[in-house]
Amino acid sequence: MRLAIIVSISLLGIVAFSACNRKAATPFVECKGDCITVRGTLQQQGMTTYQYGTHTISTAEGNAYVLKSDVVDLKKFEGKKVKLTAQNLHYTVENGPELYNVVVIKEVE
């Protein structure tokens, strides 16, 4: 009986430890409100006059968007062709572009 309890506790510890070490999947976040879905190459944003956002995406049609994300690590997608969905935060400063919050992103070919 005692051996069964020790084995059970050990197995429980192993399962709990391995679950903690798994990378968490990006949570699904529904985009609500004024959202866009675009394809293009994600780039880290450099110095700007408006000083907000961390990344940009330019589409084949010539549209450019300023991005940030509360749920996705955009650095993992820098320089890659992606499809993303983002919510317009309706935030701008004088003569600056609108800021979008990326909620879903995936690499495409």
Protein backbone atom coordinates (compact mmCIF):
# COMPACT_ATOMS: atom_id res chain seq x y z
CA MET A 1 0.00 0.00 0.00
CA ARG A 2 2.75 2.40 0.99
CA LEU A 3 4.66 1.60 -2.21
CA ALA A 4 1.56 2.33 -4.31
CA ILE A 5 1.17 5.75 -2.67
CA ILE A 6 4.84 6.61 -3.26
CA VAL A 7 4.63 5.52 -6.91
CA SER A 8 1.41 7.51 -7.41
CA ILE A 9 2.90 10.67 -5.92
CA SER A 10 6.04 10.25 -8.03
CA LEU A 11 4.05 9.83 -11.24
CA LEU A 12 1.91 12.83 -10.39
CA GLY A 13 5.04 14.92 -9.86
CA ILE A 14 6.51 13.83 -13.19
CA VAL A 15 3.29 14.65 -15.06
CA ALA A 16 3.03 18.06 -13.37
CA PHE A 17 6.69 18.88 -14.09
CA SER A 18 6.44 17.93 -17.77
CA ALA A 19 3.25 19.98 -18.17
CA CYS A 20 5.03 23.04 -16.76
CA ASN A 21 7.90 22.67 -19.21
CA ARG A 22 5.72 22.51 -22.33
CA LYS A 23 5.51 25.65 -24.37
CA ALA A 24 2.10 27.19 -24.02
CA ALA A 25 0.18 27.41 -27.25
CA THR A 26 -0.75 30.88 -28.39
CA PRO A 27 -4.23 31.41 -27.02
CA PHE A 28 -7.01 31.95 -29.52
CA VAL A 29 -8.14 35.53 -29.20
CA GLU A 30 -11.20 36.63 -31.11
CA CYS A 31 -10.82 39.94 -32.85
CA LYS A 32 -13.73 42.16 -31.95
CA GLY A 33 -14.63 45.49 -33.44
CA ASP A 34 -12.74 47.07 -36.31
CA CYS A 35 -10.44 44.26 -37.50
CA ILE A 36 -8.27 43.61 -40.53
CA THR A 37 -6.74 40.47 -41.98
CA VAL A 38 -3.70 41.09 -44.17
CA ARG A 39 -0.79 39.24 -45.77
CA GLY A 40 2.68 40.65 -46.10
CA THR A 41 6.20 40.69 -44.69
CA LEU A 42 6.49 41.58 -41.02
CA GLN A 43 9.32 43.97 -40.15
CA GLN A 44 10.60 45.38 -36.90
CA GLN A 45 9.81 49.07 -36.75
CA GLY A 46 12.74 51.41 -36.49
CA MET A 47 12.80 54.99 -35.26
CA THR A 48 9.68 56.99 -36.09
CA THR A 49 8.31 60.43 -35.42
CA TYR A 50 5.16 58.98 -33.87
CA GLN A 51 6.96 56.51 -31.50
CA TYR A 52 4.35 53.78 -31.06
CA GLY A 53 4.06 50.23 -32.29
CA THR A 54 6.82 47.66 -32.50
CA HIS A 55 6.44 46.27 -36.02
CA THR A 56 5.07 47.08 -39.46
CA ILE A 57 3.60 45.05 -42.28
CA SER A 58 3.43 46.07 -45.91
CA THR A 59 1.04 44.33 -48.28
CA ALA A 60 1.43 43.58 -51.98
CA GLU A 61 -1.16 46.30 -52.63
CA GLY A 62 1.13 48.88 -51.03
CA ASN A 63 -0.75 49.30 -47.75
CA ALA A 64 1.32 49.60 -44.59
CA TYR A 65 0.20 49.04 -41.01
CA VAL A 66 1.80 49.81 -37.64
CA LEU A 67 1.49 46.90 -35.22
CA LYS A 68 1.90 45.79 -31.63
CA SER A 69 0.61 42.71 -29.86
CA ASP A 70 -0.55 41.84 -26.38
CA VAL A 71 -0.81 38.10 -27.13
CA VAL A 72 1.75 37.21 -29.83
CA ASP A 73 5.55 37.48 -29.83
CA LEU A 74 5.97 39.35 -33.10
CA LYS A 75 9.79 39.04 -32.98
CA LYS A 76 9.43 35.36 -33.95
CA PHE A 77 7.93 36.43 -37.29
CA GLU A 78 10.30 39.25 -38.26
CA GLY A 79 11.31 39.13 -41.92
CA LYS A 80 8.76 36.40 -42.67
CA LYS A 81 5.71 36.40 -44.89
CA VAL A 82 2.69 36.17 -42.64
CA LYS A 83 -1.07 36.37 -42.53
CA LEU A 84 -2.36 38.22 -39.50
CA THR A 85 -5.54 39.49 -37.96
CA ALA A 86 -5.38 42.70 -35.96
CA GLN A 87 -7.75 45.06 -34.23
CA ASN A 88 -7.66 48.75 -35.02
CA LEU A 89 -7.02 50.49 -31.71
CA HIS A 90 -8.00 53.87 -33.19
CA TYR A 91 -4.86 55.36 -31.70
CA THR A 92 -2.83 57.94 -33.58
CA VAL A 93 -0.86 61.07 -32.97
CA GLU A 94 -0.81 64.03 -35.31
CA ASN A 95 0.05 62.81 -38.84
CA GLY A 96 0.81 59.30 -37.56
CA PRO A 97 -0.67 56.04 -38.81
CA GLU A 98 -3.30 54.07 -36.91
CA LEU A 99 -2.08 51.43 -34.48
CA TYR A 100 -3.25 47.79 -34.73
CA ASN A 101 -3.07 45.06 -32.08
CA VAL A 102 -2.23 41.67 -33.61
CA VAL A 103 -4.35 38.86 -32.16
CA VAL A 104 -3.59 36.03 -34.63
CA ILE A 105 -0.55 35.49 -36.85
CA LYS A 106 0.79 32.62 -38.89
CA GLU A 107 3.63 32.19 -41.35
CA VAL A 108 2.63 31.67 -45.00
CA GLU A 109 4.49 30.91 -48.20
